Protein backbone atom coordinates (compact mmCIF):
# COMPACT_ATOMS: atom_id res chain seq x y z
CA MET A 1 110.39 99.02 108.36
CA ASN A 2 106.55 98.34 107.14
CA PHE A 3 105.72 97.98 103.84
CA ALA A 4 102.87 95.54 104.58
CA SER A 5 99.93 97.75 103.22
CA ASP A 6 99.68 101.82 103.42
CA ASN A 7 96.70 101.28 105.68
CA ALA A 8 99.00 100.57 108.31
CA GLY A 9 100.37 104.12 107.85
CA PRO A 10 100.43 107.03 109.97
CA VAL A 11 97.99 109.84 109.56
CA HIS A 12 99.77 113.27 108.08
CA PRO A 13 100.49 115.39 110.61
CA ARG A 14 98.35 118.29 108.66
CA VAL A 15 95.40 116.29 108.78
CA MET A 16 95.94 115.67 112.58
CA ALA A 17 95.92 119.29 113.08
CA ALA A 18 92.80 120.08 111.19
CA LEU A 19 91.22 117.51 113.28
CA ILE A 20 92.48 119.24 116.60
CA GLU A 21 90.96 122.40 115.19
CA ALA A 22 87.61 120.78 114.27
CA ASN A 23 87.25 119.44 117.89
CA GLU A 24 87.29 123.04 119.21
CA GLY A 25 83.35 124.21 120.46
CA HIS A 26 80.12 122.57 119.21
CA ALA A 27 79.31 122.08 115.39
CA PRO A 28 76.05 120.93 113.46
CA SER A 29 75.97 117.21 112.97
CA TYR A 30 75.25 115.09 110.32
CA GLY A 31 77.48 116.87 107.93
CA ALA A 32 75.82 120.16 108.18
CA ASP A 33 79.22 121.65 109.40
CA ARG A 34 81.34 123.70 107.75
CA TRP A 35 84.36 121.38 107.32
CA THR A 36 81.71 118.78 105.19
CA ALA A 37 80.94 121.69 103.22
CA GLU A 38 84.39 122.67 102.41
CA ALA A 39 85.41 119.27 101.62
CA THR A 40 82.54 118.31 99.29
CA ALA A 41 83.24 122.63 97.23
CA ARG A 42 87.35 121.29 97.31
CA ILE A 43 85.96 117.72 95.82
CA ARG A 44 83.42 119.39 92.67
CA GLU A 45 86.37 121.73 92.27
CA VAL A 46 89.50 119.19 91.90
CA PHE A 47 87.08 116.82 89.70
CA GLU A 48 85.71 119.58 87.81
CA ALA A 49 81.97 118.81 88.28
CA PRO A 50 80.20 121.39 90.27
CA ASP A 51 77.35 119.76 90.21
CA ALA A 52 78.32 116.32 91.59
CA ALA A 53 77.08 114.72 94.53
CA VAL A 54 79.71 114.01 97.29
CA HIS A 55 79.06 111.66 100.40
CA LEU A 56 81.85 110.88 102.80
CA VAL A 57 81.63 107.82 104.86
CA ALA A 58 84.38 106.23 107.27
CA THR A 59 85.90 103.14 105.00
CA GLY A 60 86.21 101.90 101.26
CA THR A 61 83.97 99.17 101.98
CA ALA A 62 80.90 101.25 102.70
CA ALA A 63 82.07 103.65 99.30
CA ASN A 64 82.49 100.61 97.09
CA SER A 65 79.15 98.81 98.54
CA LEU A 66 76.84 101.88 98.72
CA ALA A 67 77.92 103.00 95.31
CA LEU A 68 77.16 99.94 93.70
CA ALA A 69 74.01 99.72 95.47
CA THR A 70 72.98 102.88 94.47
CA LEU A 71 74.10 101.94 90.58
CA ALA A 72 72.51 98.33 90.54
CA LYS A 73 68.83 97.15 91.20
CA PRO A 74 69.01 93.56 93.23
CA TRP A 75 68.29 91.42 90.31
CA ASP A 76 71.25 92.69 88.84
CA ALA A 77 74.75 91.33 87.53
CA ILE A 78 78.08 93.73 88.69
CA PHE A 79 80.54 93.06 86.41
CA CYS A 80 84.34 92.87 87.63
CA THR A 81 87.79 91.16 87.46
CA ALA A 82 88.25 88.00 89.30
CA VAL A 83 90.87 89.65 91.38
CA ALA A 84 88.77 93.11 92.19
CA HIS A 85 88.77 94.26 95.38
CA ALA A 86 85.02 94.37 95.74
CA GLN A 87 85.26 91.03 94.72
CA GLU A 88 87.76 89.45 96.66
CA ASP A 89 88.08 91.63 99.90
CA GLU A 90 84.70 92.85 100.72
CA THR A 91 83.49 90.05 102.32
CA ASN A 92 80.15 90.23 99.96
CA ALA A 93 79.38 93.45 101.45
CA PRO A 94 78.14 94.64 97.54
CA GLU A 95 75.66 91.62 97.40
CA LEU A 96 74.15 92.79 101.15
CA PHE A 97 73.82 96.53 100.45
CA THR A 98 72.71 95.79 96.92
CA GLY A 99 70.07 93.20 98.20
CA GLY A 100 71.01 90.31 96.02
CA ALA A 101 72.92 91.75 92.97
CA LYS A 102 75.53 88.93 91.74
CA MET A 103 79.09 89.27 91.52
CA ILE A 104 80.35 88.04 87.77
CA PRO A 105 84.06 87.77 88.12
CA ILE A 106 85.93 88.27 84.73
CA PRO A 107 89.27 87.04 84.32
CA ALA A 108 91.86 89.83 83.20
CA PRO A 109 95.53 89.84 82.78
CA GLU A 110 97.32 92.63 84.33
CA ALA A 111 94.34 92.68 86.88
CA LYS A 112 92.62 95.10 84.39
CA LEU A 113 89.29 94.31 82.52
CA THR A 114 89.62 94.08 78.78
CA PRO A 115 86.78 95.38 76.39
CA GLU A 116 86.45 92.41 74.64
CA ALA A 117 86.32 90.08 77.94
CA LEU A 118 83.59 92.77 79.56
CA ARG A 119 81.34 92.52 76.29
CA SER A 120 81.54 88.88 76.43
CA ALA A 121 80.87 88.60 80.19
CA MET A 122 77.89 91.59 79.64
CA ALA A 123 76.27 89.48 76.38
CA SER A 124 76.27 86.21 78.34
CA VAL A 125 73.47 87.59 80.84
CA GLY A 126 70.71 89.62 80.40
CA LEU A 127 68.46 87.40 78.02
CA GLY A 128 65.17 86.46 80.00
CA VAL A 129 63.37 86.14 82.90
CA HIS A 130 65.63 82.93 84.91
CA ASN A 131 68.91 85.47 84.38
CA PRO A 132 70.17 88.12 86.60
CA GLN A 133 70.15 91.59 84.35
CA ARG A 134 73.28 93.92 82.89
CA GLY A 135 73.68 95.90 85.89
CA PRO A 136 77.10 98.38 86.77
CA VAL A 137 80.58 97.54 86.10
CA THR A 138 83.32 98.21 88.68
CA LEU A 139 86.72 98.68 88.04
CA THR A 140 89.90 98.99 90.59
CA THR A 141 92.33 101.93 90.00
CA VAL A 142 95.22 101.17 91.44
CA THR A 143 93.93 97.07 90.52
CA GLU A 144 94.89 94.73 92.83
CA ARG A 145 98.12 93.89 91.51
CA GLY A 146 99.78 96.99 91.31
CA THR A 147 98.92 97.94 87.91
CA VAL A 148 96.88 101.22 86.88
CA TYR A 149 94.27 101.61 84.01
CA SER A 150 95.34 103.84 81.72
CA LEU A 151 93.11 106.88 80.02
CA GLU A 152 92.45 104.96 77.27
CA GLU A 153 91.79 101.76 78.71
CA VAL A 154 89.31 103.10 80.98
CA ARG A 155 87.61 104.61 78.16
CA ALA A 156 87.68 101.11 76.40
CA VAL A 157 86.03 99.46 79.34
CA THR A 158 83.30 102.62 79.53
CA ALA A 159 82.36 102.06 76.11
CA VAL A 160 81.39 98.50 76.52
CA ALA A 161 79.23 99.30 79.30
CA LYS A 162 77.48 101.98 77.83
CA GLU A 163 76.86 99.98 74.77
CA PHE A 164 74.51 97.68 77.15
CA GLY A 165 73.29 100.48 79.14
CA ALA A 166 75.15 100.18 82.25
CA PRO A 167 76.91 102.78 84.84
CA VAL A 168 80.35 102.09 85.48
CA HIS A 169 81.75 102.61 89.21
CA MET A 170 85.53 103.21 90.10
CA ASP A 171 87.05 101.90 92.95
CA GLY A 172 89.55 104.29 93.69
CA ALA A 173 90.74 103.51 97.45
CA ARG A 174 94.38 104.80 96.09
CA PHE A 175 93.07 106.97 93.16
CA ALA A 176 95.92 109.82 94.21
CA ASN A 177 98.42 107.01 93.29
CA ALA A 178 96.85 106.85 89.82
CA LEU A 179 96.57 109.87 89.28
CA VAL A 180 99.80 110.83 89.49
CA ALA A 181 101.17 108.23 88.06
CA LEU A 182 99.02 108.97 84.90
CA ASP A 183 99.70 112.67 84.96
CA ALA A 184 96.21 112.87 84.56
CA SER A 185 93.18 115.32 85.54
CA PRO A 186 90.55 113.75 88.11
CA ALA A 187 88.14 114.53 85.80
CA ASP A 188 89.68 113.03 82.66
CA MET A 189 90.04 110.21 84.65
CA THR A 190 86.36 109.47 85.52
CA TRP A 191 84.20 111.42 83.80
CA ARG A 192 85.17 112.68 80.95
CA ALA A 193 86.08 108.65 80.16
CA GLY A 194 82.93 107.55 80.93
CA VAL A 195 82.52 107.22 84.78
CA ASP A 196 79.30 107.28 86.58
CA ALA A 197 80.50 107.17 90.61
CA VAL A 198 84.09 107.18 91.71
CA SER A 199 85.39 105.69 95.43
CA PHE A 200 87.60 108.61 95.85
CA GLY A 201 90.10 107.22 98.45
CA GLY A 202 92.00 108.63 101.45
CA THR A 203 92.77 106.60 104.46
CA LYS A 204 95.75 104.63 102.43
CA ASN A 205 97.00 107.91 101.69
CA GLY A 206 97.44 109.65 104.72
CA LEU A 207 94.10 109.84 106.24
CA MET A 208 92.50 108.49 109.37
CA GLY A 209 89.31 107.22 108.12
CA VAL A 210 87.09 108.87 105.39
CA GLU A 211 86.42 108.29 101.34
CA ALA A 212 83.97 109.73 99.63
CA VAL A 213 81.49 108.73 96.62
CA VAL A 214 81.35 111.27 94.12
CA LEU A 215 77.90 110.64 91.72
CA PHE A 216 78.26 112.64 89.12
CA ASN A 217 74.92 112.68 88.21
CA PRO A 218 73.23 114.40 91.27
CA ALA A 219 70.16 112.64 90.96
CA ARG A 220 71.18 109.71 92.33
CA SER A 221 71.95 111.59 95.45
CA TRP A 222 69.06 110.89 97.57
CA GLU A 223 69.13 107.40 97.23
CA PHE A 224 72.68 107.26 98.75
CA GLU A 225 71.44 109.18 101.49
CA LEU A 226 69.15 107.48 102.32
CA ARG A 227 71.33 104.08 101.97
CA ARG A 228 74.55 105.50 104.05
CA LYS A 229 71.75 106.27 106.93
CA ARG A 230 70.87 102.74 106.69
CA ALA A 231 73.96 101.32 106.44
CA ALA A 232 75.03 103.68 109.97
CA GLN A 233 77.56 105.47 107.90
CA LEU A 234 76.12 108.84 108.31
CA PHE A 235 78.30 110.33 111.14
CA SER A 236 76.62 112.28 113.59
CA LYS A 237 80.11 113.99 114.47
CA HIS A 238 80.84 114.18 110.64
CA ARG A 239 83.35 117.20 111.06
CA TYR A 240 85.42 114.86 111.97
CA LEU A 241 85.17 112.88 108.42
CA GLY A 242 85.07 116.54 106.48
CA ALA A 243 87.84 117.88 108.47
CA GLN A 244 90.38 115.05 107.24
CA MET A 245 88.98 115.50 103.81
CA ALA A 246 89.24 119.41 103.36
CA ALA A 247 92.93 119.23 105.07
CA TYR A 248 93.56 116.57 102.57
CA LEU A 249 92.54 118.44 99.77
CA THR A 250 94.09 121.95 101.07
CA ASP A 251 97.70 123.05 98.81
CA GLY A 252 97.63 119.86 96.96
CA LEU A 253 98.92 117.61 99.83
CA TRP A 254 96.90 114.13 98.42
CA LEU A 255 98.92 114.91 95.12
CA ASP A 256 102.00 115.33 97.52
CA MET A 257 101.50 112.30 99.86
CA ALA A 258 100.72 109.95 96.80
CA ARG A 259 103.93 111.15 94.82
CA ALA A 260 106.06 110.26 98.11
CA ALA A 261 104.29 106.94 98.05
CA ASN A 262 104.74 106.12 94.49
CA GLY A 263 108.54 107.73 94.52
CA ALA A 264 109.09 105.51 97.51
CA MET A 265 107.82 102.44 95.81
CA ALA A 266 109.98 103.05 92.30
CA LEU A 267 113.30 103.29 94.46
CA LEU A 268 112.62 100.26 96.24
CA VAL A 269 111.82 98.47 92.88
CA GLU A 270 114.78 99.65 91.78
CA GLY A 271 116.84 98.24 94.66
CA LEU A 272 115.49 94.86 94.75
CA ARG A 273 115.66 94.36 90.99
CA ALA A 274 119.89 94.72 91.70
CA LEU A 275 119.29 92.28 94.18
CA GLY A 276 117.37 89.29 91.94
CA GLY A 277 113.72 90.74 92.44
CA THR A 278 111.46 90.06 89.25
CA PRO A 279 107.79 92.20 89.52
CA ALA A 280 105.34 89.36 88.78
CA TRP A 281 103.22 92.38 87.47
CA GLU A 282 104.92 95.87 86.27
CA PRO A 283 104.60 97.99 89.24
CA ALA A 284 102.67 101.32 88.52
CA ALA A 285 102.05 103.57 91.59
CA ASN A 286 102.75 102.13 95.31
CA LEU A 287 102.01 98.30 95.20
CA VAL A 288 104.40 95.67 94.01
CA PHE A 289 104.45 92.01 93.87
CA LEU A 290 107.45 90.81 93.30
CA ARG A 291 109.34 87.63 93.90
CA LEU A 292 112.61 87.54 95.64
CA PRO A 293 115.12 84.82 96.40
CA ARG A 294 114.59 83.00 99.88
CA GLN A 295 117.62 83.94 101.20
CA VAL A 296 116.94 87.29 100.90
CA HIS A 297 113.56 87.18 102.70
CA GLN A 298 115.08 85.30 105.41
CA ARG A 299 117.49 88.32 105.66
CA LEU A 300 114.41 90.53 105.81
CA ARG A 301 112.94 88.54 108.17
CA ALA A 302 115.65 88.22 110.57
CA THR A 303 116.41 92.14 110.48
CA GLY A 304 112.22 92.76 111.64
CA ALA A 305 110.95 93.89 107.89
CA THR A 306 106.94 93.41 107.67
CA TYR A 307 105.57 92.66 104.87
CA TYR A 308 103.25 90.03 103.17
CA LEU A 309 104.84 86.82 102.08
CA PHE A 310 102.90 84.39 99.82
CA GLU A 311 105.05 81.28 98.79
CA GLY A 312 107.14 79.21 101.30
CA PRO A 313 108.40 77.96 103.52
CA LEU A 314 110.96 80.32 103.97
CA GLU A 315 113.19 78.56 106.74
CA SER A 316 114.12 75.76 104.57
CA GLY A 317 114.54 75.04 100.90
CA ASP A 318 116.95 76.29 98.23
CA PRO A 319 118.35 79.80 98.86
CA ASP A 320 117.96 81.06 95.70
CA GLU A 321 114.47 79.98 94.84
CA PRO A 322 111.76 82.95 94.23
CA LEU A 323 109.13 83.37 96.40
CA LEU A 324 106.35 85.64 95.62
CA CYS A 325 105.87 88.73 98.20
CA ARG A 326 103.72 92.18 98.27
CA LEU A 327 105.26 95.36 99.22
CA VAL A 328 103.59 98.67 99.80
CA CYS A 329 104.87 102.27 100.08
CA ASP A 330 103.09 104.85 101.72
CA TRP A 331 103.20 108.56 102.13
CA SER A 332 105.71 108.07 105.22
CA THR A 333 108.08 105.37 103.71
CA GLY A 334 110.64 108.36 102.76
CA PRO A 335 114.07 107.28 100.86
CA GLY A 336 115.09 106.57 104.32
CA ALA A 337 112.78 103.43 105.07
CA VAL A 338 113.82 102.12 101.87
CA ASP A 339 117.62 102.35 102.20
CA ARG A 340 117.21 100.49 105.12
CA PHE A 341 114.98 97.95 103.76
CA LEU A 342 117.63 97.41 100.43
CA ALA A 343 120.10 97.19 103.26
CA ALA A 344 118.61 94.31 105.39
CA ALA A 345 117.92 92.51 102.21
CA ALA A 346 121.51 92.52 100.77
CA GLY A 347 122.87 91.55 104.21
CA GLN A 348 124.14 95.00 105.04
CA PRO A 349 124.13 97.51 107.93
CA LEU A 350 121.20 99.28 108.30
CA PRO A 351 121.88 102.92 108.24
CA PRO A 352 119.79 104.47 110.65
CA SER A 353 116.10 105.38 110.71
CA VAL A 354 114.37 108.40 109.85
CA PRO A 355 111.38 109.57 110.88
CA PRO A 356 108.49 110.84 108.40
CA CYS A 357 108.35 114.43 107.69
């Protein structure tokens, strides 16, 4: 019963099969292989952007940091929420890869930038030679609190950025989860809404380890290529990245996995509400922060459930005191794992474990 992170989930069997197939014989290196070409073509098709530049890297940190480095100058400010992944969880990698651009964290309700807060922050910088200059805006969806920007919210943020002549980057580590939650198209969620670049995630949604940076202005492509090489993210055996991404986008697998993860989370939240669980932010995709009574946490931990608990102590205190935790579902979670977790939370016998399909 692992609900700690979608990073902890398994690779989908169809992706493993694609890797095995790509492992046969020899292939051109550094991205000149047919799998990378296929992945690039499918991403362009998915985003309805035939001229977009598509570059594969191995990690979300690399995707975000290299994308921002391509959009920002070393003396720029990069605008984000105070809890954006690029701000909280990248060990200052964007500052490193940009050569010194400064992250400007903005307080944000539900972890989402508001146009009013963004306009105020952007107006406060870039006033002279002694200040950081206005650079890109980066927004995360699904956010670090499990919320999702609506299309209207994305458009409102990008409109403010454009007022100041700033490009917009979308951190889409959980892009597929946000997309199915919105029932939108990738184009409507990104370039049609004013987004200039997106980190299109795959690792959290059933891939072994690959992300795609999609630049809707192909004129930025060469700079990204140079930055990727300098960052040691241009794999010599690039076919193994391309094969994963090509399989991901074949026959809607990426959307099926996201729907499965989001569906499992919906079932989990419904069941935990009945046991006194209260979401700190209303969940929209496959991640939730939720408060449960201490006694419920005690029962879960006694049965080996794995997840992040942020308040305590667990062992002593009022059994009814609500303690905050984070739960994440991945493509393989399934109703069976949810049923086991809910049974453990309720102190009931656990139903049999069901392996992922």
